[in-house]
Amino acid sequence: MYDYIASGIYASQLKQGQDALGSDLGSTNAQLRSLTDLVRKMALVNQALLELMKEKTGLSDEELRLKVREVDLRDGYEDGKLTAGPVVCPKCGFNVTAGSLSCQTCGAKIAPKYPYES
């Protein structure tokens, strides 16, 4: 009798766990689709910008490769990633969290490091 009750409890808990896992997976899949869509849109815009630059300026693929490498190395690592390093407050000299618009220590305004930061 105990085994029967215990197996019923186990089955109920297993079902609850599977339902929760399924919900988490659904949410994760939706987030993944959203990020994939965003990356595709960014790739489309980047391709259009590259083609415009080539048409208007005669930019070569080699020049682009060199510039990509230069920008990649700005953080000290050639890793294919754009990583924002620490920003130093021009007023008090403390490190400011990347992406912040003002210093957490003195409140001074911080200019964005990259044009896409607002």
PDB file of N, CA and C in Angstrom:
ATOM      1  N   MET A   1       0.823  -1.192   0.000  1.00  0.00           N
ATOM      2  CA  MET A   1       0.000   0.000   0.000  1.00  0.00           C
ATOM      3  C   MET A   1       0.871   1.262   0.000  1.00  0.00           C
ATOM      4  N   TYR A   2       1.923   1.278   0.831  1.00  0.00           N
ATOM      5  CA  TYR A   2       2.820   2.428   0.895  1.00  0.00           C
ATOM      6  C   TYR A   2       3.446   2.677  -0.475  1.00  0.00           C
ATOM      7  N   ASP A   3       3.915   1.610  -1.128  1.00  0.00           N
ATOM      8  CA  ASP A   3       4.524   1.742  -2.448  1.00  0.00           C
ATOM      9  C   ASP A   3       3.546   2.343  -3.444  1.00  0.00           C
ATOM     10  N   TYR A   4       2.296   1.954  -3.346  1.00  0.00           N
ATOM     11  CA  TYR A   4       1.273   2.456  -4.259  1.00  0.00           C
ATOM     12  C   TYR A   4       1.079   3.962  -4.056  1.00  0.00           C
ATOM     13  N   ILE A   5       0.984   4.391  -2.788  1.00  0.00           N
ATOM     14  CA  ILE A   5       0.799   5.816  -2.474  1.00  0.00           C
ATOM     15  C   ILE A   5       2.047   6.606  -2.868  1.00  0.00           C
ATOM     16  N   ALA A   6       3.229   6.065  -2.526  1.00  0.00           N
ATOM     17  CA  ALA A   6       4.483   6.746  -2.852  1.00  0.00           C
ATOM     18  C   ALA A   6       4.636   6.893  -4.359  1.00  0.00           C
ATOM     19  N   SER A   7       4.293   5.862  -5.130  1.00  0.00           N
ATOM     20  CA  SER A   7       4.419   5.961  -6.587  1.00  0.00           C
ATOM     21  C   SER A   7       3.443   6.981  -7.147  1.00  0.00           C
ATOM     22  N   GLY A   8       2.269   7.114  -6.529  1.00  0.00           N
ATOM     23  CA  GLY A   8       1.302   8.127  -6.967  1.00  0.00           C
ATOM     24  C   GLY A   8       1.806   9.527  -6.699  1.00  0.00           C
ATOM     25  N   ILE A   9       2.416   9.717  -5.524  1.00  0.00           N
ATOM     26  CA  ILE A   9       2.993  11.025  -5.179  1.00  0.00           C
ATOM     27  C   ILE A   9       4.143  11.344  -6.120  1.00  0.00           C
ATOM     28  N   TYR A  10       4.997  10.351  -6.353  1.00  0.00           N
ATOM     29  CA  TYR A  10       6.128  10.538  -7.268  1.00  0.00           C
ATOM     30  C   TYR A  10       5.636  10.914  -8.659  1.00  0.00           C
ATOM     31  N   ALA A  11       4.624  10.214  -9.145  1.00  0.00           N
ATOM     32  CA  ALA A  11       4.088  10.489 -10.485  1.00  0.00           C
ATOM     33  C   ALA A  11       3.514  11.901 -10.549  1.00  0.00           C
ATOM     34  N   SER A  12       2.849  12.323  -9.474  1.00  0.00           N
ATOM     35  CA  SER A  12       2.284  13.676  -9.439  1.00  0.00           C
ATOM     36  C   SER A  12       3.394  14.729  -9.460  1.00  0.00           C
ATOM     37  N   GLN A  13       4.441  14.496  -8.639  1.00  0.00           N
ATOM     38  CA  GLN A  13       5.557  15.438  -8.609  1.00  0.00           C
ATOM     39  C   GLN A  13       6.298  15.463  -9.936  1.00  0.00           C
ATOM     40  N   LEU A  14       6.449  14.293 -10.553  1.00  0.00           N
ATOM     41  CA  LEU A  14       7.107  14.212 -11.852  1.00  0.00           C
ATOM     42  C   LEU A  14       6.319  15.007 -12.889  1.00  0.00           C
ATOM     43  N   LYS A  15       4.995  14.876 -12.883  1.00  0.00           N
ATOM     44  CA  LYS A  15       4.142  15.603 -13.828  1.00  0.00           C
ATOM     45  C   LYS A  15       4.275  17.110 -13.611  1.00  0.00           C
ATOM     46  N   GLN A  16       4.298  17.549 -12.340  1.00  0.00           N
ATOM     47  CA  GLN A  16       4.449  18.976 -12.041  1.00  0.00           C
ATOM     48  C   GLN A  16       5.801  19.488 -12.542  1.00  0.00           C
ATOM     49  N   GLY A  17       6.840  18.705 -12.323  1.00  0.00           N
ATOM     50  CA  GLY A  17       8.171  19.088 -12.789  1.00  0.00           C
ATOM     51  C   GLY A  17       8.242  19.175 -14.301  1.00  0.00           C
ATOM     52  N   GLN A  18       7.618  18.207 -14.976  1.00  0.00           N
ATOM     53  CA  GLN A  18       7.606  18.221 -16.438  1.00  0.00           C
ATOM     54  C   GLN A  18       6.833  19.418 -16.965  1.00  0.00           C
ATOM     55  N   ASP A  19       5.694  19.747 -16.312  1.00  0.00           N
ATOM     56  CA  ASP A  19       4.915  20.917 -16.731  1.00  0.00           C
ATOM     57  C   ASP A  19       5.720  22.200 -16.571  1.00  0.00           C
ATOM     58  N   ALA A  20       6.426  22.327 -15.425  1.00  0.00           N
ATOM     59  CA  ALA A  20       7.246  23.523 -15.191  1.00  0.00           C
ATOM     60  C   ALA A  20       8.375  23.591 -16.200  1.00  0.00           C
ATOM     61  N   LEU A  21       9.018  22.465 -16.457  1.00  0.00           N
ATOM     62  CA  LEU A  21      10.111  22.432 -17.429  1.00  0.00           C
ATOM     63  C   LEU A  21       9.608  22.799 -18.814  1.00  0.00           C
ATOM     64  N   GLY A  22       8.448  22.292 -19.183  1.00  0.00           N
ATOM     65  CA  GLY A  22       7.870  22.619 -20.486  1.00  0.00           C
ATOM     66  C   GLY A  22       7.583  24.099 -20.617  1.00  0.00           C
ATOM     67  N   SER A  23       7.095  24.706 -19.540  1.00  0.00           N
ATOM     68  CA  SER A  23       6.817  26.144 -19.538  1.00  0.00           C
ATOM     69  C   SER A  23       8.112  26.934 -19.696  1.00  0.00           C
ATOM     70  N   ASP A  24       9.158  26.523 -18.955  1.00  0.00           N
ATOM     71  CA  ASP A  24      10.457  27.191 -19.056  1.00  0.00           C
ATOM     72  C   ASP A  24      11.037  27.047 -20.450  1.00  0.00           C
ATOM     73  N   LEU A  25      10.912  25.855 -21.038  1.00  0.00           N
ATOM     74  CA  LEU A  25      11.425  25.637 -22.384  1.00  0.00           C
ATOM     75  C   LEU A  25      10.682  26.482 -23.401  1.00  0.00           C
ATOM     76  N   GLY A  26       9.373  26.608 -23.225  1.00  0.00           N
ATOM     77  CA  GLY A  26       8.587  27.442 -24.133  1.00  0.00           C
ATOM     78  C   GLY A  26       9.024  28.895 -24.068  1.00  0.00           C
ATOM     79  N   SER A  27       9.261  29.380 -22.854  1.00  0.00           N
ATOM     80  CA  SER A  27       9.720  30.753 -22.668  1.00  0.00           C
ATOM     81  C   SER A  27      11.111  30.936 -23.262  1.00  0.00           C
ATOM     82  N   THR A  28      11.980  29.972 -23.033  1.00  0.00           N
ATOM     83  CA  THR A  28      13.340  30.040 -23.571  1.00  0.00           C
ATOM     84  C   THR A  28      13.321  30.014 -25.093  1.00  0.00           C
ATOM     85  N   ASN A  29      12.478  29.172 -25.668  1.00  0.00           N
ATOM     86  CA  ASN A  29      12.373  29.103 -27.131  1.00  0.00           C
ATOM     87  C   ASN A  29      11.858  30.423 -27.701  1.00  0.00           C
ATOM     88  N   ALA A  30      10.900  31.045 -27.037  1.00  0.00           N
ATOM     89  CA  ALA A  30      10.380  32.333 -27.500  1.00  0.00           C
ATOM     90  C   ALA A  30      11.477  33.401 -27.444  1.00  0.00           C
ATOM     91  N   GLN A  31      12.276  33.399 -26.365  1.00  0.00           N
ATOM     92  CA  GLN A  31      13.373  34.356 -26.255  1.00  0.00           C
ATOM     93  C   GLN A  31      14.418  34.107 -27.335  1.00  0.00           C
ATOM     94  N   LEU A  32      14.701  32.850 -27.603  1.00  0.00           N
ATOM     95  CA  LEU A  32      15.668  32.502 -28.635  1.00  0.00           C
ATOM     96  C   LEU A  32      15.182  32.960 -30.009  1.00  0.00           C
ATOM     97  N   ARG A  33      13.906  32.763 -30.303  1.00  0.00           N
ATOM     98  CA  ARG A  33      13.346  33.232 -31.585  1.00  0.00           C
ATOM     99  C   ARG A  33      13.441  34.742 -31.691  1.00  0.00           C
ATOM    100  N   SER A  34      13.154  35.441 -30.592  1.00  0.00           N
ATOM    101  CA  SER A  34      13.221  36.901 -30.596  1.00  0.00           C
ATOM    102  C   SER A  34      14.655  37.383 -30.847  1.00  0.00           C
ATOM    103  N   LEU A  35      15.627  36.764 -30.184  1.00  0.00           N
ATOM    104  CA  LEU A  35      17.026  37.137 -30.394  1.00  0.00           C
ATOM    105  C   LEU A  35      17.486  36.795 -31.809  1.00  0.00           C
ATOM    106  N   THR A  36      17.053  35.663 -32.313  1.00  0.00           N
ATOM    107  CA  THR A  36      17.407  35.268 -33.684  1.00  0.00           C
ATOM    108  C   THR A  36      16.856  36.281 -34.678  1.00  0.00           C
ATOM    109  N   ASP A  37      15.615  36.712 -34.482  1.00  0.00           N
ATOM    110  CA  ASP A  37      15.026  37.731 -35.360  1.00  0.00           C
ATOM    111  C   ASP A  37      15.812  39.034 -35.292  1.00  0.00           C
ATOM    112  N   LEU A  38      16.209  39.427 -34.087  1.00  0.00           N
ATOM    113  CA  LEU A  38      16.978  40.662 -33.918  1.00  0.00           C
ATOM    114  C   LEU A  38      18.323  40.570 -34.627  1.00  0.00           C
ATOM    115  N   VAL A  39      19.007  39.448 -34.493  1.00  0.00           N
ATOM    116  CA  VAL A  39      20.300  39.260 -35.166  1.00  0.00           C
ATOM    117  C   VAL A  39      20.120  39.313 -36.678  1.00  0.00           C
ATOM    118  N   ARG A  40      19.068  38.706 -37.184  1.00  0.00           N
ATOM    119  CA  ARG A  40      18.817  38.735 -38.640  1.00  0.00           C
ATOM    120  C   ARG A  40      18.553  40.151 -39.133  1.00  0.00           C
ATOM    121  N   LYS A  41      17.799  40.929 -38.352  1.00  0.00           N
ATOM    122  CA  LYS A  41      17.544  42.328 -38.726  1.00  0.00           C
ATOM    123  C   LYS A  41      18.839  43.135 -38.725  1.00  0.00           C
ATOM    124  N   MET A  42      19.667  42.906 -37.689  1.00  0.00           N
ATOM    125  CA  MET A  42      20.943  43.622 -37.620  1.00  0.00           C
ATOM    126  C   MET A  42      21.849  43.226 -38.788  1.00  0.00           C
ATOM    127  N   ALA A  43      21.849  41.957 -39.144  1.00  0.00           N
ATOM    128  CA  ALA A  43      22.657  41.503 -40.282  1.00  0.00           C
ATOM    129  C   ALA A  43      22.168  42.150 -41.566  1.00  0.00           C
ATOM    130  N   LEU A  44      20.865  42.284 -41.729  1.00  0.00           N
ATOM    131  CA  LEU A  44      20.298  42.924 -42.914  1.00  0.00           C
ATOM    132  C   LEU A  44      20.734  44.388 -43.002  1.00  0.00           C
ATOM    133  N   VAL A  45      20.632  45.106 -41.888  1.00  0.00           N
ATOM    134  CA  VAL A  45      21.038  46.516 -41.874  1.00  0.00           C
ATOM    135  C   VAL A  45      22.537  46.637 -42.136  1.00  0.00           C
ATOM    136  N   ASN A  46      23.334  45.772 -41.511  1.00  0.00           N
ATOM    137  CA  ASN A  46      24.782  45.817 -41.739  1.00  0.00           C
ATOM    138  C   ASN A  46      25.131  45.543 -43.193  1.00  0.00           C
ATOM    139  N   GLN A  47      24.452  44.590 -43.813  1.00  0.00           N
ATOM    140  CA  GLN A  47      24.713  44.287 -45.224  1.00  0.00           C
ATOM    141  C   GLN A  47      24.361  45.480 -46.103  1.00  0.00           C
ATOM    142  N   ALA A  48      23.212  46.112 -45.817  1.00  0.00           N
ATOM    143  CA  ALA A  48      22.812  47.287 -46.593  1.00  0.00           C
ATOM    144  C   ALA A  48      23.826  48.422 -46.419  1.00  0.00           C
ATOM    145  N   LEU A  49      24.279  48.650 -45.198  1.00  0.00           N
ATOM    146  CA  LEU A  49      25.280  49.693 -44.955  1.00  0.00           C
ATOM    147  C   LEU A  49      26.591  49.391 -45.670  1.00  0.00           C
ATOM    148  N   LEU A  50      27.015  48.144 -45.637  1.00  0.00           N
ATOM    149  CA  LEU A  50      28.243  47.759 -46.322  1.00  0.00           C
ATOM    150  C   LEU A  50      28.129  48.008 -47.825  1.00  0.00           C
ATOM    151  N   GLU A  51      27.022  47.618 -48.404  1.00  0.00           N
ATOM    152  CA  GLU A  51      26.843  47.825 -49.841  1.00  0.00           C
ATOM    153  C   GLU A  51      26.820  49.301 -50.197  1.00  0.00           C
ATOM    154  N   LEU A  52      26.161  50.117 -49.356  1.00  0.00           N
ATOM    155  CA  LEU A  52      26.165  51.563 -49.593  1.00  0.00           C
ATOM    156  C   LEU A  52      27.584  52.132 -49.497  1.00  0.00           C
ATOM    157  N   MET A  53      28.325  51.706 -48.485  1.00  0.00           N
ATOM    158  CA  MET A  53      29.704  52.181 -48.326  1.00  0.00           C
ATOM    159  C   MET A  53      30.559  51.801 -49.534  1.00  0.00           C
ATOM    160  N   LYS A  54      30.399  50.588 -50.002  1.00  0.00           N
ATOM    161  CA  LYS A  54      31.172  50.153 -51.166  1.00  0.00           C
ATOM    162  C   LYS A  54      30.806  50.971 -52.394  1.00  0.00           C
ATOM    163  N   GLU A  55      29.499  51.193 -52.600  1.00  0.00           N
ATOM    164  CA  GLU A  55      29.046  51.960 -53.764  1.00  0.00           C
ATOM    165  C   GLU A  55      29.508  53.411 -53.701  1.00  0.00           C
ATOM    166  N   LYS A  56      29.396  54.028 -52.533  1.00  0.00           N
ATOM    167  CA  LYS A  56      29.677  55.461 -52.401  1.00  0.00           C
ATOM    168  C   LYS A  56      31.164  55.774 -52.253  1.00  0.00           C
ATOM    169  N   THR A  57      31.937  54.853 -51.665  1.00  0.00           N
ATOM    170  CA  THR A  57      33.330  55.182 -51.361  1.00  0.00           C
ATOM    171  C   THR A  57      34.352  54.271 -52.025  1.00  0.00           C
ATOM    172  N   GLY A  58      33.898  53.159 -52.575  1.00  0.00           N
ATOM    173  CA  GLY A  58      34.838  52.214 -53.159  1.00  0.00           C
ATOM    174  C   GLY A  58      35.567  51.380 -52.114  1.00  0.00           C
ATOM    175  N   LEU A  59      35.027  51.313 -50.923  1.00  0.00           N
ATOM    176  CA  LEU A  59      35.611  50.527 -49.840  1.00  0.00           C
ATOM    177  C   LEU A  59      35.822  49.084 -50.296  1.00  0.00           C
ATOM    178  N   SER A  60      37.005  48.554 -50.021  1.00  0.00           N
ATOM    179  CA  SER A  60      37.290  47.166 -50.422  1.00  0.00           C
ATOM    180  C   SER A  60      37.026  46.219 -49.253  1.00  0.00           C
ATOM    181  N   ASP A  61      36.873  44.951 -49.580  1.00  0.00           N
ATOM    182  CA  ASP A  61      36.683  43.934 -48.544  1.00  0.00           C
ATOM    183  C   ASP A  61      37.884  43.877 -47.609  1.00  0.00           C
ATOM    184  N   GLU A  62      39.075  44.050 -48.149  1.00  0.00           N
ATOM    185  CA  GLU A  62      40.280  44.016 -47.320  1.00  0.00           C
ATOM    186  C   GLU A  62      40.295  45.178 -46.330  1.00  0.00           C
ATOM    187  N   GLU A  63      39.902  46.378 -46.782  1.00  0.00           N
ATOM    188  CA  GLU A  63      39.824  47.522 -45.875  1.00  0.00           C
ATOM    189  C   GLU A  63      38.823  47.254 -44.758  1.00  0.00           C
ATOM    190  N   LEU A  64      37.709  46.633 -45.100  1.00  0.00           N
ATOM    191  CA  LEU A  64      36.705  46.293 -44.098  1.00  0.00           C
ATOM    192  C   LEU A  64      37.270  45.286 -43.096  1.00  0.00           C
ATOM    193  N   ARG A  65      37.942  44.248 -43.582  1.00  0.00           N
ATOM    194  CA  ARG A  65      38.538  43.252 -42.686  1.00  0.00           C
ATOM    195  C   ARG A  65      39.537  43.909 -41.721  1.00  0.00           C
ATOM    196  N   LEU A  66      40.352  44.811 -42.232  1.00  0.00           N
ATOM    197  CA  LEU A  66      41.323  45.500 -41.382  1.00  0.00           C
ATOM    198  C   LEU A  66      40.631  46.354 -40.315  1.00  0.00           C
ATOM    199  N   LYS A  67      39.574  47.039 -40.697  1.00  0.00           N
ATOM    200  CA  LYS A  67      38.845  47.882 -39.743  1.00  0.00           C
ATOM    201  C   LYS A  67      38.147  47.021 -38.694  1.00  0.00           C
ATOM    202  N   VAL A  68      37.576  45.900 -39.101  1.00  0.00           N
ATOM    203  CA  VAL A  68      36.932  44.994 -38.143  1.00  0.00           C
ATOM    204  C   VAL A  68      37.956  44.515 -37.124  1.00  0.00           C
ATOM    205  N   ARG A  69      39.145  44.152 -37.593  1.00  0.00           N
ATOM    206  CA  ARG A  69      40.207  43.685 -36.694  1.00  0.00           C
ATOM    207  C   ARG A  69      40.619  44.810 -35.742  1.00  0.00           C
ATOM    208  N   GLU A  70      40.757  46.019 -36.275  1.00  0.00           N
ATOM    209  CA  GLU A  70      41.137  47.169 -35.441  1.00  0.00           C
ATOM    210  C   GLU A  70      40.106  47.409 -34.335  1.00  0.00           C
ATOM    211  N   VAL A  71      38.841  47.404 -34.696  1.00  0.00           N
ATOM    212  CA  VAL A  71      37.782  47.633 -33.709  1.00  0.00           C
ATOM    213  C   VAL A  71      37.745  46.480 -32.699  1.00  0.00           C
ATOM    214  N   ASP A  72      37.932  45.258 -33.186  1.00  0.00           N
ATOM    215  CA  ASP A  72      37.927  44.086 -32.310  1.00  0.00           C
ATOM    216  C   ASP A  72      39.033  44.172 -31.270  1.00  0.00           C
ATOM    217  N   LEU A  73      40.172  44.697 -31.644  1.00  0.00           N
ATOM    218  CA  LEU A  73      41.326  44.765 -30.738  1.00  0.00           C
ATOM    219  C   LEU A  73      41.252  45.910 -29.728  1.00  0.00           C
ATOM    220  N   ARG A  74      40.263  46.776 -29.825  1.00  0.00           N
ATOM    221  CA  ARG A  74      40.179  47.918 -28.910  1.00  0.00           C
ATOM    222  C   ARG A  74      40.042  47.497 -27.452  1.00  0.00           C
ATOM    223  N   ASP A  75      39.477  46.341 -27.200  1.00  0.00           N
ATOM    224  CA  ASP A  75      39.360  45.871 -25.821  1.00  0.00           C
ATOM    225  C   ASP A  75      40.555  45.018 -25.404  1.00  0.00           C
ATOM    226  N   GLY A  76      41.547  44.908 -26.317  1.00  0.00           N
ATOM    227  CA  GLY A  76      42.744  44.146 -26.003  1.00  0.00           C
ATOM    228  C   GLY A  76      42.703  42.686 -26.424  1.00  0.00           C
ATOM    229  N   TYR A  77      41.578  42.239 -26.976  1.00  0.00           N
ATOM    230  CA  TYR A  77      41.424  40.843 -27.369  1.00  0.00           C
ATOM    231  C   TYR A  77      40.881  40.737 -28.789  1.00  0.00           C
ATOM    232  N   GLU A  78      41.525  39.901 -29.599  1.00  0.00           N
ATOM    233  CA  GLU A  78      40.982  39.616 -30.936  1.00  0.00           C
ATOM    234  C   GLU A  78      40.115  38.375 -30.803  1.00  0.00           C
ATOM    235  N   ASP A  79      38.833  38.623 -30.477  1.00  0.00           N
ATOM    236  CA  ASP A  79      37.928  37.519 -30.193  1.00  0.00           C
ATOM    237  C   ASP A  79      36.623  37.572 -30.982  1.00  0.00           C
ATOM    238  N   GLY A  80      36.528  38.517 -31.924  1.00  0.00           N
ATOM    239  CA  GLY A  80      35.316  38.607 -32.733  1.00  0.00           C
ATOM    240  C   GLY A  80      34.128  39.179 -31.985  1.00  0.00           C
ATOM    241  N   LYS A  81      34.381  39.885 -30.873  1.00  0.00           N
ATOM    242  CA  LYS A  81      33.299  40.443 -30.063  1.00  0.00           C
ATOM    243  C   LYS A  81      33.562  41.913 -29.788  1.00  0.00           C
ATOM    244  N   LEU A  82      32.516  42.695 -29.769  1.00  0.00           N
ATOM    245  CA  LEU A  82      32.606  44.102 -29.399  1.00  0.00           C
ATOM    246  C   LEU A  82      32.272  44.189 -27.917  1.00  0.00           C
ATOM    247  N   THR A  83      33.295  44.359 -27.109  1.00  0.00           N
ATOM    248  CA  THR A  83      33.130  44.374 -25.663  1.00  0.00           C
ATOM    249  C   THR A  83      33.507  45.749 -25.137  1.00  0.00           C
ATOM    250  N   ALA A  84      32.565  46.364 -24.459  1.00  0.00           N
ATOM    251  CA  ALA A  84      32.834  47.679 -23.884  1.00  0.00           C
ATOM    252  C   ALA A  84      33.658  47.515 -22.615  1.00  0.00           C
ATOM    253  N   GLY A  85      34.776  48.201 -22.561  1.00  0.00           N
ATOM    254  CA  GLY A  85      35.615  48.180 -21.375  1.00  0.00           C
ATOM    255  C   GLY A  85      35.102  49.177 -20.364  1.00  0.00           C
ATOM    256  N   PRO A  86      35.774  49.283 -19.230  1.00  0.00           N
ATOM    257  CA  PRO A  86      35.336  50.246 -18.217  1.00  0.00           C
ATOM    258  C   PRO A  86      35.506  51.676 -18.730  1.00  0.00           C
ATOM    259  N   VAL A  87      34.611  52.516 -18.304  1.00  0.00           N
ATOM    260  CA  VAL A  87      34.654  53.929 -18.660  1.00  0.00           C
ATOM    261  C   VAL A  87      35.089  54.696 -17.416  1.00  0.00           C
ATOM    262  N   VAL A  88      36.010  55.622 -17.583  1.00  0.00           N
ATOM    263  CA  VAL A  88      36.488  56.424 -16.457  1.00  0.00           C
ATOM    264  C   VAL A  88      35.776  57.772 -16.487  1.00  0.00           C
ATOM    265  N   CYS A  89      35.251  58.157 -15.361  1.00  0.00           N
ATOM    266  CA  CYS A  89      34.552  59.443 -15.246  1.00  0.00           C
ATOM    267  C   CYS A  89      35.549  60.580 -15.488  1.00  0.00           C
ATOM    268  N   PRO A  90      35.227  61.513 -16.399  1.00  0.00           N
ATOM    269  CA  PRO A  90      36.140  62.618 -16.677  1.00  0.00           C
ATOM    270  C   PRO A  90      36.238  63.627 -15.524  1.00  0.00           C
ATOM    271  N   LYS A  91      35.262  63.596 -14.620  1.00  0.00           N
ATOM    272  CA  LYS A  91      35.254  64.570 -13.521  1.00  0.00           C
ATOM    273  C   LYS A  91      35.972  64.043 -12.273  1.00  0.00           C
ATOM    274  N   CYS A  92      35.638  62.803 -11.841  1.00  0.00           N
ATOM    275  CA  CYS A  92      36.209  62.309 -10.577  1.00  0.00           C
ATOM    276  C   CYS A  92      37.186  61.148 -10.754  1.00  0.00           C
ATOM    277  N   GLY A  93      37.235  60.565 -11.953  1.00  0.00           N
ATOM    278  CA  GLY A  93      38.206  59.514 -12.224  1.00  0.00           C
ATOM    279  C   GLY A  93      37.801  58.105 -11.810  1.00  0.00           C
ATOM    280  N   PHE A  94      36.611  57.933 -11.257  1.00  0.00           N
ATOM    281  CA  PHE A  94      36.165  56.602 -10.871  1.00  0.00           C
ATOM    282  C   PHE A  94      35.673  55.825 -12.090  1.00  0.00           C
ATOM    283  N   ASN A  95      35.771  54.482 -12.021  1.00  0.00           N
ATOM    284  CA  ASN A  95      35.228  53.634 -13.080  1.00  0.00           C
ATOM    285  C   ASN A  95      33.710  53.696 -13.039  1.00  0.00           C
ATOM    286  N   VAL A  96      33.124  53.814 -14.225  1.00  0.00           N
ATOM    287  CA  VAL A  96      31.679  53.910 -14.358  1.00  0.00           C
ATOM    288  C   VAL A  96      31.199  52.647 -15.062  1.00  0.00           C
ATOM    289  N   THR A  97      30.077  52.134 -14.643  1.00  0.00           N
ATOM    290  CA  THR A  97      29.500  50.949 -15.264  1.00  0.00           C
ATOM    291  C   THR A  97      29.275  51.204 -16.745  1.00  0.00           C
ATOM    292  N   ALA A  98      29.701  50.238 -17.586  1.00  0.00           N
ATOM    293  CA  ALA A  98      29.525  50.362 -19.038  1.00  0.00           C
ATOM    294  C   ALA A  98      28.055  50.587 -19.353  1.00  0.00           C
ATOM    295  N   GLY A  99      27.781  51.539 -20.212  1.00  0.00           N
ATOM    296  CA  GLY A  99      26.413  51.847 -20.619  1.00  0.00           C
ATOM    297  C   GLY A  99      25.737  52.905 -19.766  1.00  0.00           C
ATOM    298  N   SER A 100      26.341  53.282 -18.638  1.00  0.00           N
ATOM    299  CA  SER A 100      25.748  54.314 -17.785  1.00  0.00           C
ATOM    300  C   SER A 100      25.848  55.673 -18.465  1.00  0.00           C
ATOM    301  N   LEU A 101      24.862  56.499 -18.231  1.00  0.00           N
ATOM    302  CA  LEU A 101      24.859  57.840 -18.801  1.00  0.00           C
ATOM    303  C   LEU A 101      25.397  58.874 -17.835  1.00  0.00           C
ATOM    304  N   SER A 102      25.582  58.449 -16.570  1.00  0.00           N
ATOM    305  CA  SER A 102      26.157  59.366 -15.586  1.00  0.00           C
ATOM    306  C   SER A 102      26.979  58.565 -14.583  1.00  0.00           C
ATOM    307  N   CYS A 103      27.908  59.245 -13.942  1.00  0.00           N
ATOM    308  CA  CYS A 103      28.784  58.629 -12.948  1.00  0.00           C
ATOM    309  C   CYS A 103      27.979  58.326 -11.681  1.00  0.00           C
ATOM    310  N   GLN A 104      28.150  57.125 -11.160  1.00  0.00           N
ATOM    311  CA  GLN A 104      27.442  56.752  -9.938  1.00  0.00           C
ATOM    312  C   GLN A 104      28.036  57.442  -8.710  1.00  0.00           C
ATOM    313  N   THR A 105      29.267  57.938  -8.820  1.00  0.00           N
ATOM    314  CA  THR A 105      29.942  58.572  -7.690  1.00  0.00           C
ATOM    315  C   THR A 105      29.648  60.067  -7.603  1.00  0.00           C
ATOM    316  N   CYS A 106      29.840  60.789  -8.719  1.00  0.00           N
ATOM    317  CA  CYS A 106      29.692  62.255  -8.661  1.00  0.00           C
ATOM    318  C   CYS A 106      28.515  62.784  -9.489  1.00  0.00           C
ATOM    319  N   GLY A 107      27.922  61.926 -10.328  1.00  0.00           N
ATOM    320  CA  GLY A 107      26.765  62.352 -11.113  1.00  0.00           C
ATOM    321  C   GLY A 107      27.090  63.015 -12.435  1.00  0.00           C
ATOM    322  N   ALA A 108      28.373  63.115 -12.781  1.00  0.00           N
ATOM    323  CA  ALA A 108      28.756  63.757 -14.042  1.00  0.00           C
ATOM    324  C   ALA A 108      28.187  62.978 -15.229  1.00  0.00           C
ATOM    325  N   LYS A 109      27.825  63.695 -16.270  1.00  0.00           N
ATOM    326  CA  LYS A 109      27.321  63.076 -17.492  1.00  0.00           C
ATOM    327  C   LYS A 109      28.455  62.338 -18.190  1.00  0.00           C
ATOM    328  N   ILE A 110      28.156  61.156 -18.708  1.00  0.00           N
ATOM    329  CA  ILE A 110      29.131  60.331 -19.417  1.00  0.00           C
ATOM    330  C   ILE A 110      28.698  60.211 -20.875  1.00  0.00           C
ATOM    331  N   ALA A 111      29.603  60.541 -21.783  1.00  0.00           N
ATOM    332  CA  ALA A 111      29.300  60.411 -23.210  1.00  0.00           C
ATOM    333  C   ALA A 111      29.285  58.931 -23.579  1.00  0.00           C
ATOM    334  N   PRO A 112      28.335  58.506 -24.402  1.00  0.00           N
ATOM    335  CA  PRO A 112      28.311  57.114 -24.830  1.00  0.00           C
ATOM    336  C   PRO A 112      29.607  56.738 -25.542  1.00  0.00           C
ATOM    337  N   LYS A 113      30.098  55.511 -25.311  1.00  0.00           N
ATOM    338  CA  LYS A 113      31.331  55.049 -25.938  1.00  0.00           C
ATOM    339  C   LYS A 113      31.105  54.695 -27.395  1.00  0.00           C
ATOM    340  N   TYR A 114      29.918  54.172 -27.690  1.00  0.00           N
ATOM    341  CA  TYR A 114      29.591  53.756 -29.057  1.00  0.00           C
ATOM    342  C   TYR A 114      28.314  54.462 -29.501  1.00  0.00           C
ATOM    343  N   PRO A 115      28.165  54.710 -30.789  1.00  0.00           N
ATOM    344  CA  PRO A 115      26.988  55.437 -31.283  1.00  0.00           C
ATOM    345  C   PRO A 115      25.660  54.754 -30.995  1.00  0.00           C
ATOM    346  N   TYR A 116      25.661  53.422 -30.851  1.00  0.00           N
ATOM    347  CA  TYR A 116      24.400  52.728 -30.614  1.00  0.00           C
ATOM    348  C   TYR A 116      23.958  52.799 -29.155  1.00  0.00           C
ATOM    349  N   GLU A 117      24.802  53.306 -28.264  1.00  0.00           N
ATOM    350  CA  GLU A 117      24.403  53.466 -26.861  1.00  0.00           C
ATOM    351  C   GLU A 117      23.637  54.763 -26.731  1.00  0.00           C
ATOM    352  N   SER A 118      22.590  54.719 -25.944  1.00  0.00           N
ATOM    353  CA  SER A 118      21.776  55.936 -25.780  1.00  0.00           C
ATOM    354  C   SER A 118      21.958  56.547 -24.411  1.00  0.00           C
TER     355      SER A 118
END
